[in-house]
Amino acid sequence: MDINKLISLDQLRDDQRELAEVIGLEAYKKLINYYGGSLLYVQKVDSVLKDTRDKELNEKFDGANYKELAREYGISEMTIRDIVAPKRKELRTAPLEGQMSFDNS
């Protein structure tokens, strides 16, 4: 079928019309050309931005500011601990400023 025959939202079923109204008819055409017949999951904003949030948390983490970060991001201290676990390990094993290392690697 030729997608160019779709020229009006009135040609669509109610559920599809709603989607086309949200994203626009041209974007809807692209969507069905690429994903037509497939199941498509659309993430929530929080999920989409989770990686960005986690990167920011790791940049702000200083080794002891769990409570402050939890308040700032509206998540639990336990979640903060899970997110910054690799950074926490890195901070624990890093040499202190001025400390000599005997590691030759």
N, C-alpha and C. Protein backbone atom coordinates (compact mmCIF):
# COMPACT_ATOMS: atom_id res chain seq x y z
N MET A 1 0.83 -1.18 0.00
CA MET A 1 0.00 0.00 0.00
C MET A 1 0.88 1.26 0.00
N ASP A 2 0.37 2.29 -0.55
CA ASP A 2 1.10 3.55 -0.66
C ASP A 2 0.74 4.46 0.52
N ILE A 3 1.72 4.76 1.36
CA ILE A 3 1.51 5.60 2.54
C ILE A 3 1.05 7.00 2.16
N ASN A 4 1.34 7.42 0.95
CA ASN A 4 0.94 8.76 0.51
C ASN A 4 -0.58 8.90 0.35
N LYS A 5 -1.29 7.77 0.37
CA LYS A 5 -2.75 7.83 0.32
C LYS A 5 -3.34 8.26 1.67
N LEU A 6 -2.50 8.23 2.69
CA LEU A 6 -2.93 8.71 4.01
C LEU A 6 -2.72 10.22 4.03
N ILE A 7 -3.82 10.95 3.93
CA ILE A 7 -3.72 12.41 3.83
C ILE A 7 -4.48 13.13 4.94
N SER A 8 -5.24 12.35 5.73
CA SER A 8 -6.07 12.99 6.74
C SER A 8 -6.16 12.12 7.98
N LEU A 9 -6.24 12.77 9.13
CA LEU A 9 -6.43 12.04 10.38
C LEU A 9 -7.76 11.30 10.40
N ASP A 10 -8.72 11.76 9.63
CA ASP A 10 -10.03 11.13 9.57
C ASP A 10 -9.97 9.72 9.00
N GLN A 11 -8.90 9.39 8.32
CA GLN A 11 -8.75 8.05 7.74
C GLN A 11 -8.32 7.01 8.77
N LEU A 12 -7.98 7.45 9.97
CA LEU A 12 -7.42 6.57 10.98
C LEU A 12 -8.45 6.12 12.00
N ARG A 13 -8.22 4.94 12.59
CA ARG A 13 -9.02 4.48 13.72
C ARG A 13 -8.73 5.41 14.89
N ASP A 14 -9.64 5.41 15.87
CA ASP A 14 -9.53 6.34 17.00
C ASP A 14 -8.18 6.28 17.72
N ASP A 15 -7.71 5.06 18.06
CA ASP A 15 -6.45 4.94 18.79
C ASP A 15 -5.27 5.44 17.96
N GLN A 16 -5.30 5.16 16.66
CA GLN A 16 -4.23 5.61 15.78
C GLN A 16 -4.32 7.11 15.51
N ARG A 17 -5.53 7.61 15.46
CA ARG A 17 -5.73 9.05 15.26
C ARG A 17 -5.14 9.83 16.44
N GLU A 18 -5.37 9.31 17.63
CA GLU A 18 -4.83 9.96 18.83
C GLU A 18 -3.31 10.04 18.76
N LEU A 19 -2.68 8.95 18.37
CA LEU A 19 -1.22 8.94 18.24
C LEU A 19 -0.76 9.94 17.17
N ALA A 20 -1.43 9.94 16.04
CA ALA A 20 -1.07 10.86 14.96
C ALA A 20 -1.28 12.32 15.36
N GLU A 21 -2.29 12.57 16.18
CA GLU A 21 -2.51 13.93 16.67
C GLU A 21 -1.37 14.38 17.57
N VAL A 22 -0.86 13.46 18.38
CA VAL A 22 0.21 13.80 19.31
C VAL A 22 1.52 14.08 18.57
N ILE A 23 1.86 13.24 17.60
CA ILE A 23 3.17 13.38 16.95
C ILE A 23 3.11 14.04 15.58
N GLY A 24 1.93 14.22 15.05
CA GLY A 24 1.78 14.82 13.72
C GLY A 24 1.66 13.74 12.66
N LEU A 25 0.95 14.05 11.59
CA LEU A 25 0.66 13.06 10.55
C LEU A 25 1.93 12.59 9.83
N GLU A 26 2.84 13.50 9.54
CA GLU A 26 4.06 13.10 8.82
C GLU A 26 4.93 12.19 9.69
N ALA A 27 5.06 12.51 10.98
CA ALA A 27 5.82 11.66 11.89
C ALA A 27 5.13 10.31 12.03
N TYR A 28 3.80 10.31 12.06
CA TYR A 28 3.04 9.06 12.15
C TYR A 28 3.32 8.18 10.94
N LYS A 29 3.36 8.78 9.76
CA LYS A 29 3.67 8.02 8.54
C LYS A 29 5.05 7.38 8.64
N LYS A 30 6.03 8.14 9.12
CA LYS A 30 7.38 7.60 9.28
C LYS A 30 7.38 6.45 10.29
N LEU A 31 6.64 6.64 11.37
CA LEU A 31 6.57 5.63 12.41
C LEU A 31 6.00 4.32 11.88
N ILE A 32 4.89 4.39 11.13
CA ILE A 32 4.30 3.15 10.62
C ILE A 32 5.12 2.55 9.48
N ASN A 33 5.83 3.37 8.73
CA ASN A 33 6.72 2.82 7.69
C ASN A 33 7.84 2.00 8.33
N TYR A 34 8.36 2.50 9.43
CA TYR A 34 9.50 1.83 10.07
C TYR A 34 9.07 0.72 11.03
N TYR A 35 8.06 0.98 11.85
CA TYR A 35 7.67 0.05 12.91
C TYR A 35 6.33 -0.64 12.67
N GLY A 36 5.67 -0.37 11.56
CA GLY A 36 4.35 -0.93 11.31
C GLY A 36 4.28 -2.43 11.54
N GLY A 37 3.32 -2.86 12.33
CA GLY A 37 3.14 -4.27 12.63
C GLY A 37 3.95 -4.77 13.81
N SER A 38 4.84 -3.95 14.33
CA SER A 38 5.68 -4.33 15.47
C SER A 38 5.07 -3.84 16.76
N LEU A 39 5.41 -4.51 17.84
CA LEU A 39 5.06 -3.98 19.16
C LEU A 39 6.10 -2.94 19.51
N LEU A 40 5.66 -1.83 20.01
CA LEU A 40 6.56 -0.73 20.31
C LEU A 40 6.30 -0.26 21.73
N TYR A 41 7.35 -0.21 22.53
CA TYR A 41 7.25 0.25 23.91
C TYR A 41 7.84 1.66 23.98
N VAL A 42 7.12 2.59 24.54
CA VAL A 42 7.60 3.95 24.71
C VAL A 42 7.87 4.17 26.19
N GLN A 43 9.12 4.46 26.51
CA GLN A 43 9.53 4.64 27.90
C GLN A 43 8.96 5.92 28.49
N LYS A 44 8.87 5.93 29.81
CA LYS A 44 8.51 7.14 30.53
C LYS A 44 9.72 8.07 30.54
N VAL A 45 9.47 9.34 30.76
CA VAL A 45 10.54 10.34 30.78
C VAL A 45 11.64 9.94 31.77
N ASP A 46 11.24 9.49 32.97
CA ASP A 46 12.23 9.11 33.98
C ASP A 46 13.17 8.03 33.47
N SER A 47 12.64 7.06 32.75
CA SER A 47 13.47 5.98 32.22
C SER A 47 14.41 6.48 31.14
N VAL A 48 13.90 7.34 30.29
CA VAL A 48 14.73 7.88 29.20
C VAL A 48 15.91 8.67 29.77
N LEU A 49 15.65 9.42 30.82
CA LEU A 49 16.68 10.30 31.38
C LEU A 49 17.50 9.66 32.51
N LYS A 50 17.25 8.38 32.80
CA LYS A 50 17.92 7.70 33.90
C LYS A 50 19.45 7.69 33.73
N ASP A 51 19.93 7.39 32.54
CA ASP A 51 21.38 7.35 32.31
C ASP A 51 22.01 8.72 32.54
N THR A 52 21.32 9.77 32.10
CA THR A 52 21.83 11.13 32.31
C THR A 52 21.87 11.45 33.80
N ARG A 53 20.80 11.09 34.51
CA ARG A 53 20.74 11.31 35.96
C ARG A 53 21.87 10.56 36.66
N ASP A 54 22.07 9.30 36.30
CA ASP A 54 23.10 8.49 36.94
C ASP A 54 24.50 9.06 36.69
N LYS A 55 24.73 9.56 35.50
CA LYS A 55 26.02 10.18 35.19
C LYS A 55 26.24 11.43 36.05
N GLU A 56 25.21 12.25 36.17
CA GLU A 56 25.29 13.45 37.02
C GLU A 56 25.57 13.07 38.47
N LEU A 57 24.87 12.04 38.96
CA LEU A 57 25.07 11.60 40.34
C LEU A 57 26.52 11.18 40.57
N ASN A 58 27.07 10.43 39.64
CA ASN A 58 28.45 9.99 39.79
C ASN A 58 29.43 11.15 39.76
N GLU A 59 29.12 12.16 38.96
CA GLU A 59 29.99 13.34 38.90
C GLU A 59 29.94 14.13 40.20
N LYS A 60 28.76 14.19 40.83
CA LYS A 60 28.58 14.96 42.06
C LYS A 60 28.98 14.18 43.32
N PHE A 61 29.07 12.87 43.22
CA PHE A 61 29.35 12.06 44.39
C PHE A 61 30.78 12.29 44.88
N ASP A 62 30.91 12.59 46.19
CA ASP A 62 32.24 12.86 46.75
C ASP A 62 32.69 11.80 47.75
N GLY A 63 31.90 10.75 47.88
CA GLY A 63 32.26 9.68 48.81
C GLY A 63 31.43 9.68 50.08
N ALA A 64 30.76 10.77 50.35
CA ALA A 64 30.01 10.86 51.60
C ALA A 64 28.69 11.62 51.49
N ASN A 65 28.35 12.13 50.34
CA ASN A 65 27.18 13.00 50.22
C ASN A 65 25.91 12.27 49.76
N TYR A 66 25.68 11.08 50.30
CA TYR A 66 24.50 10.29 49.93
C TYR A 66 23.20 11.03 50.23
N LYS A 67 23.10 11.55 51.44
CA LYS A 67 21.86 12.19 51.89
C LYS A 67 21.54 13.42 51.03
N GLU A 68 22.54 14.22 50.74
CA GLU A 68 22.33 15.43 49.94
C GLU A 68 21.86 15.07 48.54
N LEU A 69 22.50 14.08 47.94
CA LEU A 69 22.12 13.67 46.59
C LEU A 69 20.72 13.06 46.57
N ALA A 70 20.40 12.29 47.59
CA ALA A 70 19.07 11.69 47.68
C ALA A 70 18.00 12.78 47.74
N ARG A 71 18.24 13.80 48.53
CA ARG A 71 17.29 14.91 48.62
C ARG A 71 17.19 15.67 47.30
N GLU A 72 18.34 15.95 46.70
CA GLU A 72 18.37 16.71 45.46
C GLU A 72 17.63 15.99 44.32
N TYR A 73 17.80 14.67 44.24
CA TYR A 73 17.22 13.91 43.13
C TYR A 73 15.90 13.23 43.48
N GLY A 74 15.49 13.31 44.75
CA GLY A 74 14.22 12.73 45.14
C GLY A 74 14.18 11.22 45.09
N ILE A 75 15.31 10.60 45.38
CA ILE A 75 15.39 9.14 45.43
C ILE A 75 16.04 8.72 46.75
N SER A 76 15.95 7.46 47.08
CA SER A 76 16.45 7.00 48.37
C SER A 76 17.98 6.95 48.41
N GLU A 77 18.51 7.01 49.64
CA GLU A 77 19.96 6.88 49.81
C GLU A 77 20.43 5.52 49.31
N MET A 78 19.61 4.50 49.48
CA MET A 78 20.00 3.16 49.02
C MET A 78 20.14 3.15 47.49
N THR A 79 19.24 3.85 46.81
CA THR A 79 19.34 3.93 45.36
C THR A 79 20.60 4.69 44.96
N ILE A 80 20.91 5.75 45.69
CA ILE A 80 22.15 6.50 45.44
C ILE A 80 23.35 5.56 45.59
N ARG A 81 23.36 4.78 46.65
CA ARG A 81 24.46 3.83 46.90
C ARG A 81 24.61 2.85 45.74
N ASP A 82 23.50 2.35 45.23
CA ASP A 82 23.55 1.43 44.09
C ASP A 82 24.12 2.10 42.84
N ILE A 83 23.69 3.32 42.59
CA ILE A 83 24.11 4.03 41.39
C ILE A 83 25.60 4.38 41.44
N VAL A 84 26.09 4.80 42.61
CA VAL A 84 27.48 5.27 42.70
C VAL A 84 28.44 4.18 43.15
N ALA A 85 27.99 2.93 43.23
CA ALA A 85 28.85 1.84 43.70
C ALA A 85 30.19 1.77 42.96
N PRO A 86 30.21 1.83 41.62
CA PRO A 86 31.51 1.78 40.93
C PRO A 86 32.40 2.98 41.28
N LYS A 87 31.80 4.16 41.39
CA LYS A 87 32.58 5.36 41.74
C LYS A 87 33.09 5.25 43.17
N ARG A 88 32.26 4.71 44.08
CA ARG A 88 32.66 4.55 45.47
C ARG A 88 33.87 3.63 45.57
N LYS A 89 33.86 2.55 44.80
CA LYS A 89 35.00 1.62 44.78
C LYS A 89 36.24 2.31 44.24
N GLU A 90 36.07 3.10 43.21
CA GLU A 90 37.18 3.85 42.62
C GLU A 90 37.78 4.82 43.64
N LEU A 91 36.91 5.52 44.36
CA LEU A 91 37.39 6.47 45.37
C LEU A 91 38.12 5.76 46.51
N ARG A 92 37.61 4.59 46.91
CA ARG A 92 38.24 3.84 48.01
C ARG A 92 39.62 3.32 47.64
N THR A 93 39.81 2.95 46.39
CA THR A 93 41.08 2.34 45.98
C THR A 93 42.08 3.35 45.41
N ALA A 94 41.64 4.58 45.19
CA ALA A 94 42.54 5.60 44.64
C ALA A 94 43.57 6.00 45.69
N PRO A 95 44.80 6.24 45.24
CA PRO A 95 45.82 6.68 46.20
C PRO A 95 45.48 8.07 46.74
N LEU A 96 45.84 8.33 47.97
CA LEU A 96 45.64 9.64 48.55
C LEU A 96 46.56 10.63 47.88
N GLU A 97 46.19 11.89 47.92
CA GLU A 97 47.02 12.92 47.31
C GLU A 97 48.40 12.89 47.93
N GLY A 98 49.42 12.82 47.08
CA GLY A 98 50.80 12.78 47.56
C GLY A 98 51.29 11.39 47.89
N GLN A 99 50.41 10.40 47.88
CA GLN A 99 50.79 9.04 48.22
C GLN A 99 51.49 8.39 47.03
N MET A 100 52.59 7.71 47.31
CA MET A 100 53.32 7.01 46.25
C MET A 100 52.67 5.66 46.00
N SER A 101 52.75 5.20 44.77
CA SER A 101 52.19 3.91 44.41
C SER A 101 53.32 2.97 44.02
N PHE A 102 53.23 1.73 44.44
CA PHE A 102 54.21 0.72 44.07
C PHE A 102 53.68 -0.15 42.93
N ASP A 103 52.55 0.20 42.40
CA ASP A 103 51.95 -0.54 41.32
C ASP A 103 52.65 -0.13 40.03
N ASN A 104 53.21 -1.08 39.31
CA ASN A 104 53.96 -0.78 38.07
C ASN A 104 53.11 -0.92 36.83
N SER A 105 51.82 -1.12 36.98
CA SER A 105 50.99 -1.31 35.79
C SER A 105 50.56 -0.01 35.17
